[in-house]
Structure formats: structure tokens, C-alpha cells
PDB file of N, CA and C in Angstrom:
ATOM      1  N   MET A   1     118.038 106.618  91.558  1.00  0.00           N
ATOM      2  CA  MET A   1     117.109 107.646  91.149  1.00  0.00           C
ATOM      3  C   MET A   1     115.736 107.326  91.723  1.00  0.00           C
ATOM      4  N   HIS A   2     115.009 108.340  92.006  1.00  0.00           N
ATOM      5  CA  HIS A   2     113.654 108.197  92.536  1.00  0.00           C
ATOM      6  C   HIS A   2     112.712 109.125  91.784  1.00  0.00           C
ATOM      7  N   VAL A   3     111.456 108.751  91.809  1.00  0.00           N
ATOM      8  CA  VAL A   3     110.396 109.573  91.238  1.00  0.00           C
ATOM      9  C   VAL A   3     109.495 109.987  92.396  1.00  0.00           C
ATOM     10  N   SER A   4     109.168 111.261  92.462  1.00  0.00           N
ATOM     11  CA  SER A   4     108.287 111.751  93.511  1.00  0.00           C
ATOM     12  C   SER A   4     106.838 111.468  93.136  1.00  0.00           C
ATOM     13  N   ASP A   5     105.993 111.261  94.142  1.00  0.00           N
ATOM     14  CA  ASP A   5     104.568 111.096  93.868  1.00  0.00           C
ATOM     15  C   ASP A   5     103.844 112.442  93.958  1.00  0.00           C
ATOM     16  N   GLN A   6     104.579 113.526  94.159  1.00  0.00           N
ATOM     17  CA  GLN A   6     104.007 114.866  94.238  1.00  0.00           C
ATOM     18  C   GLN A   6     103.958 115.484  92.840  1.00  0.00           C
ATOM     19  N   GLN A   7     102.785 115.989  92.429  1.00  0.00           N
ATOM     20  CA  GLN A   7     102.632 116.593  91.103  1.00  0.00           C
ATOM     21  C   GLN A   7     103.517 117.821  90.934  1.00  0.00           C
ATOM     22  N   GLU A   8     103.878 118.454  92.015  1.00  0.00           N
ATOM     23  CA  GLU A   8     104.723 119.645  91.978  1.00  0.00           C
ATOM     24  C   GLU A   8     106.151 119.331  91.515  1.00  0.00           C
ATOM     25  N   PHE A   9     106.544 118.052  91.597  1.00  0.00           N
ATOM     26  CA  PHE A   9     107.903 117.632  91.250  1.00  0.00           C
ATOM     27  C   PHE A   9     107.859 116.517  90.212  1.00  0.00           C
ATOM     28  N   PRO A  10     107.657 116.855  88.942  1.00  0.00           N
ATOM     29  CA  PRO A  10     107.514 115.838  87.896  1.00  0.00           C
ATOM     30  C   PRO A  10     108.841 115.261  87.400  1.00  0.00           C
ATOM     31  N   GLY A  11     109.948 115.684  87.952  1.00  0.00           N
ATOM     32  CA  GLY A  11     111.263 115.226  87.477  1.00  0.00           C
ATOM     33  C   GLY A  11     111.768 114.014  88.240  1.00  0.00           C
ATOM     34  N   LEU A  12     113.066 113.787  88.132  1.00  0.00           N
ATOM     35  CA  LEU A  12     113.732 112.670  88.798  1.00  0.00           C
ATOM     36  C   LEU A  12     114.660 113.195  89.882  1.00  0.00           C
ATOM     37  N   PHE A  13     114.678 112.506  90.989  1.00  0.00           N
ATOM     38  CA  PHE A  13     115.627 112.805  92.056  1.00  0.00           C
ATOM     39  C   PHE A  13     116.771 111.813  91.921  1.00  0.00           C
ATOM     40  N   HIS A  14     117.982 112.328  92.011  1.00  0.00           N
ATOM     41  CA  HIS A  14     119.180 111.527  91.758  1.00  0.00           C
ATOM     42  C   HIS A  14     120.169 111.762  92.892  1.00  0.00           C
ATOM     43  N   CYS A  15     120.819 110.696  93.335  1.00  0.00           N
ATOM     44  CA  CYS A  15     121.779 110.804  94.425  1.00  0.00           C
ATOM     45  C   CYS A  15     123.080 110.127  94.019  1.00  0.00           C
ATOM     46  N   THR A  16     124.201 110.765  94.325  1.00  0.00           N
ATOM     47  CA  THR A  16     125.514 110.142  94.134  1.00  0.00           C
ATOM     48  C   THR A  16     126.234 110.177  95.475  1.00  0.00           C
ATOM     49  N   TRP A  17     127.144 109.256  95.664  1.00  0.00           N
ATOM     50  CA  TRP A  17     127.910 109.256  96.893  1.00  0.00           C
ATOM     51  C   TRP A  17     129.298 108.701  96.631  1.00  0.00           C
ATOM     52  N   GLY A  18     130.229 109.130  97.437  1.00  0.00           N
ATOM     53  CA  GLY A  18     131.602 108.672  97.353  1.00  0.00           C
ATOM     54  C   GLY A  18     132.485 109.558  98.205  1.00  0.00           C
ATOM     55  N   GLY A  19     133.495 108.977  98.792  1.00  0.00           N
ATOM     56  CA  GLY A  19     134.431 109.745  99.603  1.00  0.00           C
ATOM     57  C   GLY A  19     133.784 110.420 100.797  1.00  0.00           C
ATOM     58  N   GLY A  20     132.709 109.850 101.288  1.00  0.00           N
ATOM     59  CA  GLY A  20     132.019 110.428 102.432  1.00  0.00           C
ATOM     60  C   GLY A  20     131.029 111.529 102.079  1.00  0.00           C
ATOM     61  N   MET A  21     130.857 111.786 100.782  1.00  0.00           N
ATOM     62  CA  MET A  21     129.947 112.850 100.347  1.00  0.00           C
ATOM     63  C   MET A  21     128.717 112.251  99.680  1.00  0.00           C
ATOM     64  N   GLU A  22     127.544 112.745 100.036  1.00  0.00           N
ATOM     65  CA  GLU A  22     126.302 112.401  99.354  1.00  0.00           C
ATOM     66  C   GLU A  22     125.794 113.672  98.686  1.00  0.00           C
ATOM     67  N   ASN A  23     125.514 113.592  97.388  1.00  0.00           N
ATOM     68  CA  ASN A  23     125.029 114.738  96.625  1.00  0.00           C
ATOM     69  C   ASN A  23     123.660 114.401  96.059  1.00  0.00           C
ATOM     70  N   PHE A  24     122.697 115.294  96.262  1.00  0.00           N
ATOM     71  CA  PHE A  24     121.325 115.071  95.841  1.00  0.00           C
ATOM     72  C   PHE A  24     120.960 116.086  94.764  1.00  0.00           C
ATOM     73  N   TYR A  25     120.401 115.587  93.661  1.00  0.00           N
ATOM     74  CA  TYR A  25     120.093 116.407  92.498  1.00  0.00           C
ATOM     75  C   TYR A  25     118.627 116.230  92.105  1.00  0.00           C
ATOM     76  N   TYR A  26     118.108 117.207  91.373  1.00  0.00           N
ATOM     77  CA  TYR A  26     116.769 117.135  90.797  1.00  0.00           C
ATOM     78  C   TYR A  26     116.911 117.397  89.308  1.00  0.00           C
ATOM     79  N   LEU A  27     116.441 116.460  88.487  1.00  0.00           N
ATOM     80  CA  LEU A  27     116.533 116.568  87.035  1.00  0.00           C
ATOM     81  C   LEU A  27     115.142 116.763  86.451  1.00  0.00           C
ATOM     82  N   ILE A  28     115.033 117.728  85.539  1.00  0.00           N
ATOM     83  CA  ILE A  28     113.751 118.008  84.901  1.00  0.00           C
ATOM     84  C   ILE A  28     114.014 118.531  83.490  1.00  0.00           C
ATOM     85  N   VAL A  29     113.070 118.282  82.601  1.00  0.00           N
ATOM     86  CA  VAL A  29     113.153 118.860  81.260  1.00  0.00           C
ATOM     87  C   VAL A  29     112.417 120.190  81.303  1.00  0.00           C
ATOM     88  N   ASN A  30     113.124 121.260  80.929  1.00  0.00           N
ATOM     89  CA  ASN A  30     112.557 122.606  80.963  1.00  0.00           C
ATOM     90  C   ASN A  30     112.880 123.288  79.640  1.00  0.00           C
ATOM     91  N   GLY A  31     111.866 123.626  78.881  1.00  0.00           N
ATOM     92  CA  GLY A  31     112.078 124.282  77.595  1.00  0.00           C
ATOM     93  C   GLY A  31     112.843 123.424  76.615  1.00  0.00           C
ATOM     94  N   GLY A  32     112.659 122.108  76.690  1.00  0.00           N
ATOM     95  CA  GLY A  32     113.330 121.189  75.784  1.00  0.00           C
ATOM     96  C   GLY A  32     114.761 120.859  76.181  1.00  0.00           C
ATOM     97  N   GLU A  33     115.216 121.351  77.333  1.00  0.00           N
ATOM     98  CA  GLU A  33     116.571 121.074  77.800  1.00  0.00           C
ATOM     99  C   GLU A  33     116.526 120.356  79.137  1.00  0.00           C
ATOM    100  N   LEU A  34     117.465 119.427  79.330  1.00  0.00           N
ATOM    101  CA  LEU A  34     117.585 118.725  80.599  1.00  0.00           C
ATOM    102  C   LEU A  34     118.308 119.635  81.583  1.00  0.00           C
ATOM    103  N   VAL A  35     117.655 119.906  82.711  1.00  0.00           N
ATOM    104  CA  VAL A  35     118.217 120.776  83.741  1.00  0.00           C
ATOM    105  C   VAL A  35     118.487 119.923  84.975  1.00  0.00           C
ATOM    106  N   CYS A  36     119.701 120.021  85.493  1.00  0.00           N
ATOM    107  CA  CYS A  36     120.097 119.278  86.688  1.00  0.00           C
ATOM    108  C   CYS A  36     120.466 120.282  87.770  1.00  0.00           C
ATOM    109  N   GLU A  37     119.697 120.285  88.851  1.00  0.00           N
ATOM    110  CA  GLU A  37     119.952 121.214  89.959  1.00  0.00           C
ATOM    111  C   GLU A  37     120.458 120.425  91.155  1.00  0.00           C
ATOM    112  N   GLN A  38     121.623 120.804  91.681  1.00  0.00           N
ATOM    113  CA  GLN A  38     122.091 120.189  92.917  1.00  0.00           C
ATOM    114  C   GLN A  38     121.322 120.834  94.059  1.00  0.00           C
ATOM    115  N   VAL A  39     120.681 120.003  94.858  1.00  0.00           N
ATOM    116  CA  VAL A  39     119.770 120.486  95.886  1.00  0.00           C
ATOM    117  C   VAL A  39     120.377 120.442  97.283  1.00  0.00           C
ATOM    118  N   LEU A  40     121.124 119.374  97.562  1.00  0.00           N
ATOM    119  CA  LEU A  40     121.563 119.123  98.928  1.00  0.00           C
ATOM    120  C   LEU A  40     122.867 118.335  98.900  1.00  0.00           C
ATOM    121  N   ARG A  41     123.737 118.606  99.880  1.00  0.00           N
ATOM    122  CA  ARG A  41     124.981 117.835 100.021  1.00  0.00           C
ATOM    123  C   ARG A  41     125.117 117.442 101.490  1.00  0.00           C
ATOM    124  N   ILE A  42     125.484 116.202 101.730  1.00  0.00           N
ATOM    125  CA  ILE A  42     125.758 115.747 103.092  1.00  0.00           C
ATOM    126  C   ILE A  42     127.192 115.241 103.121  1.00  0.00           C
ATOM    127  N   ASP A  43     127.996 115.838 103.981  1.00  0.00           N
ATOM    128  CA  ASP A  43     129.397 115.453 104.146  1.00  0.00           C
ATOM    129  C   ASP A  43     129.487 114.550 105.361  1.00  0.00           C
ATOM    130  N   ARG A  44     129.794 113.283 105.127  1.00  0.00           N
ATOM    131  CA  ARG A  44     129.901 112.310 106.216  1.00  0.00           C
ATOM    132  C   ARG A  44     131.364 111.947 106.490  1.00  0.00           C
ATOM    133  N   SER A  45     132.294 112.764 106.006  1.00  0.00           N
ATOM    134  CA  SER A  45     133.711 112.439 106.157  1.00  0.00           C
ATOM    135  C   SER A  45     134.270 112.841 107.520  1.00  0.00           C
ATOM    136  N   GLY A  46     133.546 113.663 108.260  1.00  0.00           N
ATOM    137  CA  GLY A  46     134.014 114.102 109.578  1.00  0.00           C
ATOM    138  C   GLY A  46     133.402 113.289 110.697  1.00  0.00           C
ATOM    139  N   GLU A  47     133.509 113.828 111.886  1.00  0.00           N
ATOM    140  CA  GLU A  47     132.988 113.131 113.068  1.00  0.00           C
ATOM    141  C   GLU A  47     131.470 113.050 113.071  1.00  0.00           C
ATOM    142  N   SER A  48     130.803 114.072 112.520  1.00  0.00           N
ATOM    143  CA  SER A  48     129.344 114.041 112.429  1.00  0.00           C
ATOM    144  C   SER A  48     128.934 114.584 111.064  1.00  0.00           C
ATOM    145  N   PRO A  49     127.800 114.116 110.528  1.00  0.00           N
ATOM    146  CA  PRO A  49     127.362 114.564 109.199  1.00  0.00           C
ATOM    147  C   PRO A  49     127.101 116.073 109.170  1.00  0.00           C
ATOM    148  N   GLU A  50     127.482 116.699 108.066  1.00  0.00           N
ATOM    149  CA  GLU A  50     127.235 118.126 107.868  1.00  0.00           C
ATOM    150  C   GLU A  50     126.395 118.292 106.610  1.00  0.00           C
ATOM    151  N   GLN A  51     125.205 118.856 106.750  1.00  0.00           N
ATOM    152  CA  GLN A  51     124.268 119.012 105.641  1.00  0.00           C
ATOM    153  C   GLN A  51     124.314 120.441 105.118  1.00  0.00           C
ATOM    154  N   THR A  52     124.437 120.582 103.789  1.00  0.00           N
ATOM    155  CA  THR A  52     124.450 121.895 103.157  1.00  0.00           C
ATOM    156  C   THR A  52     123.324 121.967 102.142  1.00  0.00           C
ATOM    157  N   GLU A  53     122.426 122.918 102.316  1.00  0.00           N
ATOM    158  CA  GLU A  53     121.327 123.117 101.370  1.00  0.00           C
ATOM    159  C   GLU A  53     121.838 124.008 100.237  1.00  0.00           C
ATOM    160  N   LEU A  54     121.714 123.532  98.999  1.00  0.00           N
ATOM    161  CA  LEU A  54     122.262 124.233  97.840  1.00  0.00           C
ATOM    162  C   LEU A  54     121.186 124.840  96.952  1.00  0.00           C
ATOM    163  N   SER A  55     119.941 124.735  97.352  1.00  0.00           N
ATOM    164  CA  SER A  55     118.819 125.292  96.597  1.00  0.00           C
ATOM    165  C   SER A  55     118.095 126.307  97.473  1.00  0.00           C
ATOM    166  N   ASP A  56     117.499 127.293  96.831  1.00  0.00           N
ATOM    167  CA  ASP A  56     116.680 128.263  97.558  1.00  0.00           C
ATOM    168  C   ASP A  56     115.237 127.785  97.706  1.00  0.00           C
ATOM    169  N   ASN A  57     114.907 126.668  97.038  1.00  0.00           N
ATOM    170  CA  ASN A  57     113.547 126.140  97.035  1.00  0.00           C
ATOM    171  C   ASN A  57     113.374 125.184  98.217  1.00  0.00           C
ATOM    172  N   ASN A  58     112.807 125.679  99.314  1.00  0.00           N
ATOM    173  CA  ASN A  58     112.661 124.862 100.526  1.00  0.00           C
ATOM    174  C   ASN A  58     111.758 123.656 100.324  1.00  0.00           C
ATOM    175  N   LYS A  59     110.718 123.790  99.479  1.00  0.00           N
ATOM    176  CA  LYS A  59     109.828 122.649  99.211  1.00  0.00           C
ATOM    177  C   LYS A  59     110.587 121.547  98.474  1.00  0.00           C
ATOM    178  N   LEU A  60     111.496 121.932  97.570  1.00  0.00           N
ATOM    179  CA  LEU A  60     112.300 120.955  96.836  1.00  0.00           C
ATOM    180  C   LEU A  60     113.258 120.237  97.783  1.00  0.00           C
ATOM    181  N   ILE A  61     113.886 120.968  98.677  1.00  0.00           N
ATOM    182  CA  ILE A  61     114.787 120.362  99.666  1.00  0.00           C
ATOM    183  C   ILE A  61     114.015 119.373 100.533  1.00  0.00           C
ATOM    184  N   GLU A  62     112.836 119.780 100.983  1.00  0.00           N
ATOM    185  CA  GLU A  62     111.999 118.907 101.814  1.00  0.00           C
ATOM    186  C   GLU A  62     111.608 117.639 101.052  1.00  0.00           C
ATOM    187  N   GLU A  63     111.296 117.787  99.773  1.00  0.00           N
ATOM    188  CA  GLU A  63     110.896 116.619  98.980  1.00  0.00           C
ATOM    189  C   GLU A  63     112.077 115.674  98.760  1.00  0.00           C
ATOM    190  N   VAL A  64     113.276 116.215  98.547  1.00  0.00           N
ATOM    191  CA  VAL A  64     114.470 115.369  98.415  1.00  0.00           C
ATOM    192  C   VAL A  64     114.647 114.533  99.675  1.00  0.00           C
ATOM    193  N   ILE A  65     114.536 115.168 100.821  1.00  0.00           N
ATOM    194  CA  ILE A  65     114.686 114.460 102.095  1.00  0.00           C
ATOM    195  C   ILE A  65     113.587 113.415 102.243  1.00  0.00           C
ATOM    196  N   ASN A  66     112.348 113.770 101.909  1.00  0.00           N
ATOM    197  CA  ASN A  66     111.233 112.819 102.018  1.00  0.00           C
ATOM    198  C   ASN A  66     111.425 111.622 101.090  1.00  0.00           C
ATOM    199  N   VAL A  67     111.846 111.875  99.861  1.00  0.00           N
ATOM    200  CA  VAL A  67     111.999 110.801  98.877  1.00  0.00           C
ATOM    201  C   VAL A  67     113.060 109.807  99.324  1.00  0.00           C
ATOM    202  N   TYR A  68     114.181 110.288  99.831  1.00  0.00           N
ATOM    203  CA  TYR A  68     115.284 109.389 100.172  1.00  0.00           C
ATOM    204  C   TYR A  68     115.209 108.806 101.564  1.00  0.00           C
ATOM    205  N   GLU A  69     114.484 109.422 102.464  1.00  0.00           N
ATOM    206  CA  GLU A  69     114.403 108.890 103.819  1.00  0.00           C
ATOM    207  C   GLU A  69     113.143 108.078 104.060  1.00  0.00           C
ATOM    208  N   SER A  70     112.177 108.165 103.166  1.00  0.00           N
ATOM    209  CA  SER A  70     110.904 107.484 103.375  1.00  0.00           C
ATOM    210  C   SER A  70     111.016 105.996 103.071  1.00  0.00           C
ATOM    211  N   SER A  71     110.469 105.191 103.949  1.00  0.00           N
ATOM    212  CA  SER A  71     110.458 103.747 103.691  1.00  0.00           C
ATOM    213  C   SER A  71     109.352 103.374 102.715  1.00  0.00           C
ATOM    214  N   GLU A  72     108.541 104.361 102.295  1.00  0.00           N
ATOM    215  CA  GLU A  72     107.467 104.102 101.340  1.00  0.00           C
ATOM    216  C   GLU A  72     107.996 103.951  99.919  1.00  0.00           C
ATOM    217  N   TYR A  73     109.274 104.200  99.681  1.00  0.00           N
ATOM    218  CA  TYR A  73     109.802 104.253  98.334  1.00  0.00           C
ATOM    219  C   TYR A  73     110.674 103.069  97.909  1.00  0.00           C
ATOM    220  N   PRO A  74     110.657 101.935  98.599  1.00  0.00           N
ATOM    221  CA  PRO A  74     111.582 100.874  98.171  1.00  0.00           C
ATOM    222  C   PRO A  74     111.318 100.374  96.752  1.00  0.00           C
ATOM    223  N   ASN A  75     110.077 100.447  96.289  1.00  0.00           N
ATOM    224  CA  ASN A  75     109.766  99.983  94.932  1.00  0.00           C
ATOM    225  C   ASN A  75     109.808 101.122  93.923  1.00  0.00           C
ATOM    226  N   ASN A  76     110.186 102.294  94.352  1.00  0.00           N
ATOM    227  CA  ASN A  76     110.205 103.470  93.490  1.00  0.00           C
ATOM    228  C   ASN A  76     111.575 103.681  92.861  1.00  0.00           C
ATOM    229  N   ARG A  77     112.509 102.817  93.151  1.00  0.00           N
ATOM    230  CA  ARG A  77     113.849 102.956  92.579  1.00  0.00           C
ATOM    231  C   ARG A  77     113.827 102.494  91.131  1.00  0.00           C
ATOM    232  N   LEU A  78     114.527 103.232  90.300  1.00  0.00           N
ATOM    233  CA  LEU A  78     114.673 102.806  88.912  1.00  0.00           C
ATOM    234  C   LEU A  78     115.656 101.648  88.881  1.00  0.00           C
ATOM    235  N   GLU A  79     115.478 100.752  87.945  1.00  0.00           N
ATOM    236  CA  GLU A  79     116.370  99.609  87.852  1.00  0.00           C
ATOM    237  C   GLU A  79     117.780 100.086  87.551  1.00  0.00           C
ATOM    238  N   MET A  80     118.757  99.509  88.239  1.00  0.00           N
ATOM    239  CA  MET A  80     120.146  99.906  88.043  1.00  0.00           C
ATOM    240  C   MET A  80     120.822  98.952  87.075  1.00  0.00           C
ATOM    241  N   TYR A  81     121.664  99.492  86.224  1.00  0.00           N
ATOM    242  CA  TYR A  81     122.406  98.700  85.265  1.00  0.00           C
ATOM    243  C   TYR A  81     123.890  98.915  85.492  1.00  0.00           C
ATOM    244  N   PRO A  82     124.640  97.844  85.715  1.00  0.00           N
ATOM    245  CA  PRO A  82     126.086  98.017  85.888  1.00  0.00           C
ATOM    246  C   PRO A  82     126.732  98.413  84.563  1.00  0.00           C
ATOM    247  N   ILE A  83     127.742  99.235  84.643  1.00  0.00           N
ATOM    248  CA  ILE A  83     128.480  99.611  83.443  1.00  0.00           C
ATOM    249  C   ILE A  83     129.783  98.819  83.452  1.00  0.00           C
ATOM    250  N   ASN A  84     129.851  97.844  82.569  1.00  0.00           N
ATOM    251  CA  ASN A  84     131.054  97.031  82.413  1.00  0.00           C
ATOM    252  C   ASN A  84     131.114  96.561  80.966  1.00  0.00           C
ATOM    253  N   ASP A  85     132.144  95.828  80.613  1.00  0.00           N
ATOM    254  CA  ASP A  85     132.314  95.400  79.224  1.00  0.00           C
ATOM    255  C   ASP A  85     131.120  94.599  78.714  1.00  0.00           C
ATOM    256  N   ASP A  86     130.589  93.699  79.541  1.00  0.00           N
ATOM    257  CA  ASP A  86     129.465  92.868  79.110  1.00  0.00           C
ATOM    258  C   ASP A  86     128.214  93.705  78.845  1.00  0.00           C
ATOM    259  N   SER A  87     127.877  94.618  79.759  1.00  0.00           N
ATOM    260  CA  SER A  87     126.658  95.405  79.570  1.00  0.00           C
ATOM    261  C   SER A  87     126.807  96.381  78.401  1.00  0.00           C
ATOM    262  N   ILE A  88     127.994  96.942  78.205  1.00  0.00           N
ATOM    263  CA  ILE A  88     128.213  97.847  77.061  1.00  0.00           C
ATOM    264  C   ILE A  88     128.074  97.067  75.768  1.00  0.00           C
ATOM    265  N   SER A  89     128.662  95.873  75.704  1.00  0.00           N
ATOM    266  CA  SER A  89     128.540  95.041  74.496  1.00  0.00           C
ATOM    267  C   SER A  89     127.090  94.692  74.206  1.00  0.00           C
ATOM    268  N   GLU A  90     126.336  94.391  75.264  1.00  0.00           N
ATOM    269  CA  GLU A  90     124.923  94.049  75.096  1.00  0.00           C
ATOM    270  C   GLU A  90     124.128  95.241  74.576  1.00  0.00           C
ATOM    271  N   ILE A  91     124.393  96.420  75.106  1.00  0.00           N
ATOM    272  CA  ILE A  91     123.700  97.627  74.653  1.00  0.00           C
ATOM    273  C   ILE A  91     124.039  97.909  73.195  1.00  0.00           C
ATOM    274  N   LEU A  92     125.325  97.830  72.848  1.00  0.00           N
ATOM    275  CA  LEU A  92     125.750  98.128  71.487  1.00  0.00           C
ATOM    276  C   LEU A  92     125.193  97.117  70.484  1.00  0.00           C
ATOM    277  N   SER A  93     125.100  95.864  70.881  1.00  0.00           N
ATOM    278  CA  SER A  93     124.580  94.842  69.956  1.00  0.00           C
ATOM    279  C   SER A  93     123.083  94.988  69.734  1.00  0.00           C
ATOM    280  N   SER A  94     122.374  95.642  70.650  1.00  0.00           N
ATOM    281  CA  SER A  94     120.932  95.825  70.487  1.00  0.00           C
ATOM    282  C   SER A  94     120.596  97.050  69.637  1.00  0.00           C
ATOM    283  N   MET A  95     121.595  97.828  69.255  1.00  0.00           N
ATOM    284  CA  MET A  95     121.343  99.052  68.473  1.00  0.00           C
ATOM    285  C   MET A  95     121.286  98.755  66.990  1.00  0.00           C
TER     286      MET A  95
END
């Protein structure tokens, strides 16, 4: 997950990948509800990558690309936590 430094995008950018597919999402709280918009998909399973824009908001698409391709963001990543028996037990014991 990444956080944009642009005031226009106060939410979180989230990326998942697997099976040659990269999916890029934008998460924001709107009206008290968490909204997750899929913005971009890159299919790397073929001979060359195929990019599909899934949002009509061109500025949002541009910001997704900037956030994930910029070398200025290495310290902007949220800390990752593995999900396994030990981490689940630790979380549950702290509740």
C-alpha cells in the first residue's frame, strides 16, 4: 500500500499481484463507508504486458502510475505483516 503526497488523493493506493496479473486499487472513506475502486490492471502473462485502465478518472490513473513507479516512495510503504499462525495468535492475544 502507498500513500500519495497529493492533497487531491487522500486515500490509500493498494496493489495485488498473482498469476501474471497486477491489480491497482484506490481506497477512500466516502460518506462513512470504505470505497475500493479498481483503477488499473496489468496482465504480464503474455509475451508483452497489457495495461487496462479501469477508471474514467485520468488524474487517478496517472497518480497510481506515479506512486508505484516513482523511486521517491521507498519509505512510503506501509509496514507489511505476514498472516500465519504466529502472527494471528499474537494479534488475538493483544485484544
